Amino acid sequence: MSWNKHPDYTNVFIYEKIFNKYTYRIEVQVEQYAKTVRFWISLSSGKKRKELSVFEDKPNKSLGGIKALIWAKKEILNFPYWYTRSYITEDKKCFICIGWEDSRRRNIYERLKKEGFYFMNIDKCKTLIKEIEYVDSN
């Protein structure tokens, strides 16, 4: 499976994969402005479809393991390159933006600093972001 457009929204893309009977879903909402593009990342997991639509803190934790986290990290970092080849010109700056619901998740996402992410306030919320370089499709 690969990235697919959300059936109800034009600016949302989804990627799902199953690990240990738990489905992991990455949703990327794309915000396009005159000079920038923001890719807002949401990650959810669960055994049932209704659990996948809830991106807040849940009482139970999914057991997809380290393979699921490695898969999610790889796909999150690769999404902008796939998207920019299709939709963006070189005069726009692109950013991956990640928010969180609790400090436990923030601590996990903070490890992405090794990948070039840094903290920034966007709309008065602390957000982890990374600028993506333009990739020519030729």
C-alpha atoms as a PDB file:
ATOM      1  CA  MET A   1       0.000   0.000   0.000  1.00  0.00           C
ATOM      2  CA  SER A   2       1.110   3.587  -0.524  1.00  0.00           C
ATOM      3  CA  TRP A   3      -0.146   7.115   0.110  1.00  0.00           C
ATOM      4  CA  ASN A   4      -3.785   7.687  -0.845  1.00  0.00           C
ATOM      5  CA  LYS A   5      -5.978  10.778  -0.809  1.00  0.00           C
ATOM      6  CA  HIS A   6      -8.605  10.802   1.924  1.00  0.00           C
ATOM      7  CA  PRO A   7     -12.008  10.038   0.363  1.00  0.00           C
ATOM      8  CA  ASP A   8     -13.691  13.045   2.028  1.00  0.00           C
ATOM      9  CA  TYR A   9     -10.952  15.717   1.922  1.00  0.00           C
ATOM     10  CA  THR A  10      -8.753  16.951  -0.913  1.00  0.00           C
ATOM     11  CA  ASN A  11      -5.829  18.067   1.242  1.00  0.00           C
ATOM     12  CA  VAL A  12      -5.473  14.948   3.435  1.00  0.00           C
ATOM     13  CA  PHE A  13      -3.390  11.865   2.622  1.00  0.00           C
ATOM     14  CA  ILE A  14      -3.446   8.497   4.419  1.00  0.00           C
ATOM     15  CA  TYR A  15      -1.094   5.547   4.728  1.00  0.00           C
ATOM     16  CA  GLU A  16      -2.054   2.439   6.734  1.00  0.00           C
ATOM     17  CA  LYS A  17      -0.147  -0.695   7.661  1.00  0.00           C
ATOM     18  CA  ILE A  18      -0.797  -3.592  10.055  1.00  0.00           C
ATOM     19  CA  PHE A  19       1.694  -4.691  12.730  1.00  0.00           C
ATOM     20  CA  ASN A  20       0.803  -7.476  15.218  1.00  0.00           C
ATOM     21  CA  LYS A  21      -2.934  -7.179  14.416  1.00  0.00           C
ATOM     22  CA  TYR A  22      -2.910  -3.421  15.088  1.00  0.00           C
ATOM     23  CA  THR A  23      -3.480  -1.020  12.213  1.00  0.00           C
ATOM     24  CA  TYR A  24      -1.261   2.051  12.167  1.00  0.00           C
ATOM     25  CA  ARG A  25      -2.481   5.082  10.241  1.00  0.00           C
ATOM     26  CA  ILE A  26      -0.494   8.146   9.295  1.00  0.00           C
ATOM     27  CA  GLU A  27      -2.596  11.093   8.169  1.00  0.00           C
ATOM     28  CA  VAL A  28      -1.004  14.146   6.615  1.00  0.00           C
ATOM     29  CA  GLN A  29      -2.989  17.349   6.265  1.00  0.00           C
ATOM     30  CA  VAL A  30      -1.461  19.715   3.727  1.00  0.00           C
ATOM     31  CA  GLU A  31      -1.751  23.476   4.253  1.00  0.00           C
ATOM     32  CA  GLN A  32      -0.635  25.517   1.237  1.00  0.00           C
ATOM     33  CA  TYR A  33       0.141  29.208   1.541  1.00  0.00           C
ATOM     34  CA  ALA A  34       1.632  31.679  -0.927  1.00  0.00           C
ATOM     35  CA  LYS A  35       5.256  30.931  -0.012  1.00  0.00           C
ATOM     36  CA  THR A  36       5.067  27.883   2.289  1.00  0.00           C
ATOM     37  CA  VAL A  37       3.544  24.440   2.574  1.00  0.00           C
ATOM     38  CA  ARG A  38       2.990  22.728   5.921  1.00  0.00           C
ATOM     39  CA  PHE A  39       2.532  18.976   6.289  1.00  0.00           C
ATOM     40  CA  TRP A  40       0.705  18.346   9.591  1.00  0.00           C
ATOM     41  CA  ILE A  41       1.337  14.778  10.741  1.00  0.00           C
ATOM     42  CA  SER A  42      -1.078  12.638  12.796  1.00  0.00           C
ATOM     43  CA  LEU A  43      -0.358   9.069  13.834  1.00  0.00           C
ATOM     44  CA  SER A  44      -2.983   6.728  15.248  1.00  0.00           C
ATOM     45  CA  SER A  45      -3.316   3.033  15.900  1.00  0.00           C
ATOM     46  CA  GLY A  46      -5.922   0.504  16.937  1.00  0.00           C
ATOM     47  CA  LYS A  47      -7.633  -2.770  16.207  1.00  0.00           C
ATOM     48  CA  LYS A  48     -10.981  -1.254  15.215  1.00  0.00           C
ATOM     49  CA  ARG A  49     -11.743   1.426  12.634  1.00  0.00           C
ATOM     50  CA  LYS A  50     -13.296   3.766  15.217  1.00  0.00           C
ATOM     51  CA  GLU A  51     -10.043   3.708  17.212  1.00  0.00           C
ATOM     52  CA  LEU A  52      -8.134   4.914  14.148  1.00  0.00           C
ATOM     53  CA  SER A  53     -10.176   8.108  13.948  1.00  0.00           C
ATOM     54  CA  VAL A  54      -9.187   9.135  17.489  1.00  0.00           C
ATOM     55  CA  PHE A  55      -5.826  10.924  17.534  1.00  0.00           C
ATOM     56  CA  GLU A  56      -5.897  11.969  21.205  1.00  0.00           C
ATOM     57  CA  ASP A  57      -4.609  10.072  24.204  1.00  0.00           C
ATOM     58  CA  LYS A  58      -6.231   6.646  24.602  1.00  0.00           C
ATOM     59  CA  PRO A  59      -6.388   4.526  27.757  1.00  0.00           C
ATOM     60  CA  ASN A  60      -5.004   1.457  25.967  1.00  0.00           C
ATOM     61  CA  LYS A  61      -1.751   1.341  24.048  1.00  0.00           C
ATOM     62  CA  SER A  62      -1.255  -0.419  20.749  1.00  0.00           C
ATOM     63  CA  LEU A  63       1.296  -3.192  20.580  1.00  0.00           C
ATOM     64  CA  GLY A  64       2.711  -2.794  17.081  1.00  0.00           C
ATOM     65  CA  GLY A  65       6.231  -2.676  18.464  1.00  0.00           C
ATOM     66  CA  ILE A  66       9.416  -1.044  17.277  1.00  0.00           C
ATOM     67  CA  LYS A  67       8.826  -2.130  13.664  1.00  0.00           C
ATOM     68  CA  ALA A  68       5.681   0.014  13.562  1.00  0.00           C
ATOM     69  CA  LEU A  69       7.522   3.055  14.913  1.00  0.00           C
ATOM     70  CA  ILE A  70      10.375   2.635  12.448  1.00  0.00           C
ATOM     71  CA  TRP A  71       7.878   2.279   9.582  1.00  0.00           C
ATOM     72  CA  ALA A  72       6.006   5.422  10.699  1.00  0.00           C
ATOM     73  CA  LYS A  73       9.224   7.460  10.975  1.00  0.00           C
ATOM     74  CA  LYS A  74      10.380   6.371   7.510  1.00  0.00           C
ATOM     75  CA  GLU A  75       7.035   7.161   5.851  1.00  0.00           C
ATOM     76  CA  ILE A  76       6.689  10.526   7.616  1.00  0.00           C
ATOM     77  CA  LEU A  77      10.129  11.581   6.414  1.00  0.00           C
ATOM     78  CA  ASN A  78       9.483  10.319   2.854  1.00  0.00           C
ATOM     79  CA  PHE A  79       6.006  11.836   2.373  1.00  0.00           C
ATOM     80  CA  PRO A  80       7.165  15.388   1.512  1.00  0.00           C
ATOM     81  CA  TYR A  81       9.462  14.086  -1.223  1.00  0.00           C
ATOM     82  CA  TRP A  82       6.606  12.114  -2.774  1.00  0.00           C
ATOM     83  CA  TYR A  83       4.262  15.112  -2.487  1.00  0.00           C
ATOM     84  CA  THR A  84       6.663  17.803  -3.716  1.00  0.00           C
ATOM     85  CA  ARG A  85       7.378  15.923  -6.930  1.00  0.00           C
ATOM     86  CA  SER A  86       3.681  16.100  -7.788  1.00  0.00           C
ATOM     87  CA  TYR A  87       2.456  19.435  -6.480  1.00  0.00           C
ATOM     88  CA  ILE A  88       5.051  21.990  -5.414  1.00  0.00           C
ATOM     89  CA  THR A  89       7.378  24.323  -7.270  1.00  0.00           C
ATOM     90  CA  GLU A  90      10.825  25.292  -6.048  1.00  0.00           C
ATOM     91  CA  ASP A  91       9.778  28.772  -4.888  1.00  0.00           C
ATOM     92  CA  LYS A  92       7.850  27.391  -1.867  1.00  0.00           C
ATOM     93  CA  LYS A  93       9.337  26.340   1.460  1.00  0.00           C
ATOM     94  CA  CYS A  94       8.057  23.028   2.810  1.00  0.00           C
ATOM     95  CA  PHE A  95       7.799  22.035   6.467  1.00  0.00           C
ATOM     96  CA  ILE A  96       6.835  18.848   8.317  1.00  0.00           C
ATOM     97  CA  CYS A  97       4.906  19.845  11.458  1.00  0.00           C
ATOM     98  CA  ILE A  98       4.200  17.508  14.374  1.00  0.00           C
ATOM     99  CA  GLY A  99       2.045  18.318  17.403  1.00  0.00           C
ATOM    100  CA  TRP A 100       1.149  16.130  20.384  1.00  0.00           C
ATOM    101  CA  GLU A 101      -1.483  15.601  23.055  1.00  0.00           C
ATOM    102  CA  ASP A 102       0.682  14.817  26.087  1.00  0.00           C
ATOM    103  CA  SER A 103       4.251  14.989  27.373  1.00  0.00           C
ATOM    104  CA  ARG A 104       4.819  11.256  26.819  1.00  0.00           C
ATOM    105  CA  ARG A 105       4.306  11.688  23.082  1.00  0.00           C
ATOM    106  CA  ARG A 106       6.346  14.912  23.047  1.00  0.00           C
ATOM    107  CA  ASN A 107       9.263  13.026  24.579  1.00  0.00           C
ATOM    108  CA  ILE A 108       9.011  10.363  21.856  1.00  0.00           C
ATOM    109  CA  TYR A 109       8.750  12.912  19.033  1.00  0.00           C
ATOM    110  CA  GLU A 110      11.632  14.930  20.497  1.00  0.00           C
ATOM    111  CA  ARG A 111      13.954  12.123  19.381  1.00  0.00           C
ATOM    112  CA  LEU A 112      13.345  13.344  15.821  1.00  0.00           C
ATOM    113  CA  LYS A 113      15.796  16.172  16.543  1.00  0.00           C
ATOM    114  CA  LYS A 114      18.425  13.718  15.274  1.00  0.00           C
ATOM    115  CA  GLU A 115      16.670  13.916  11.889  1.00  0.00           C
ATOM    116  CA  GLY A 116      16.889  17.726  11.746  1.00  0.00           C
ATOM    117  CA  PHE A 117      13.642  18.653  13.530  1.00  0.00           C
ATOM    118  CA  TYR A 118      13.490  21.609  15.935  1.00  0.00           C
ATOM    119  CA  PHE A 119      10.874  23.234  18.187  1.00  0.00           C
ATOM    120  CA  MET A 120       8.973  26.316  17.048  1.00  0.00           C
ATOM    121  CA  ASN A 121       5.754  28.068  18.078  1.00  0.00           C
ATOM    122  CA  ILE A 122       3.066  27.895  15.401  1.00  0.00           C
ATOM    123  CA  ASP A 123      -0.300  29.466  16.210  1.00  0.00           C
ATOM    124  CA  LYS A 124       0.779  29.768  19.884  1.00  0.00           C
ATOM    125  CA  CYS A 125       1.464  26.019  20.143  1.00  0.00           C
ATOM    126  CA  LYS A 126       4.871  24.418  20.557  1.00  0.00           C
ATOM    127  CA  THR A 127       5.430  22.326  17.435  1.00  0.00           C
ATOM    128  CA  LEU A 128       8.232  20.115  16.184  1.00  0.00           C
ATOM    129  CA  ILE A 129       9.113  21.088  12.605  1.00  0.00           C
ATOM    130  CA  LYS A 130      11.616  20.310   9.875  1.00  0.00           C
ATOM    131  CA  GLU A 131      12.225  22.228   6.659  1.00  0.00           C
ATOM    132  CA  ILE A 132      12.279  20.038   3.557  1.00  0.00           C
ATOM    133  CA  GLU A 133      14.445  20.872   0.586  1.00  0.00           C
ATOM    134  CA  TYR A 134      12.805  21.009  -2.842  1.00  0.00           C
ATOM    135  CA  VAL A 135      13.299  17.870  -4.942  1.00  0.00           C
ATOM    136  CA  ASP A 136      13.266  18.267  -8.713  1.00  0.00           C
ATOM    137  CA  SER A 137      11.094  15.628 -10.414  1.00  0.00           C
ATOM    138  CA  ASN A 138      13.491  15.304 -13.386  1.00  0.00           C
END
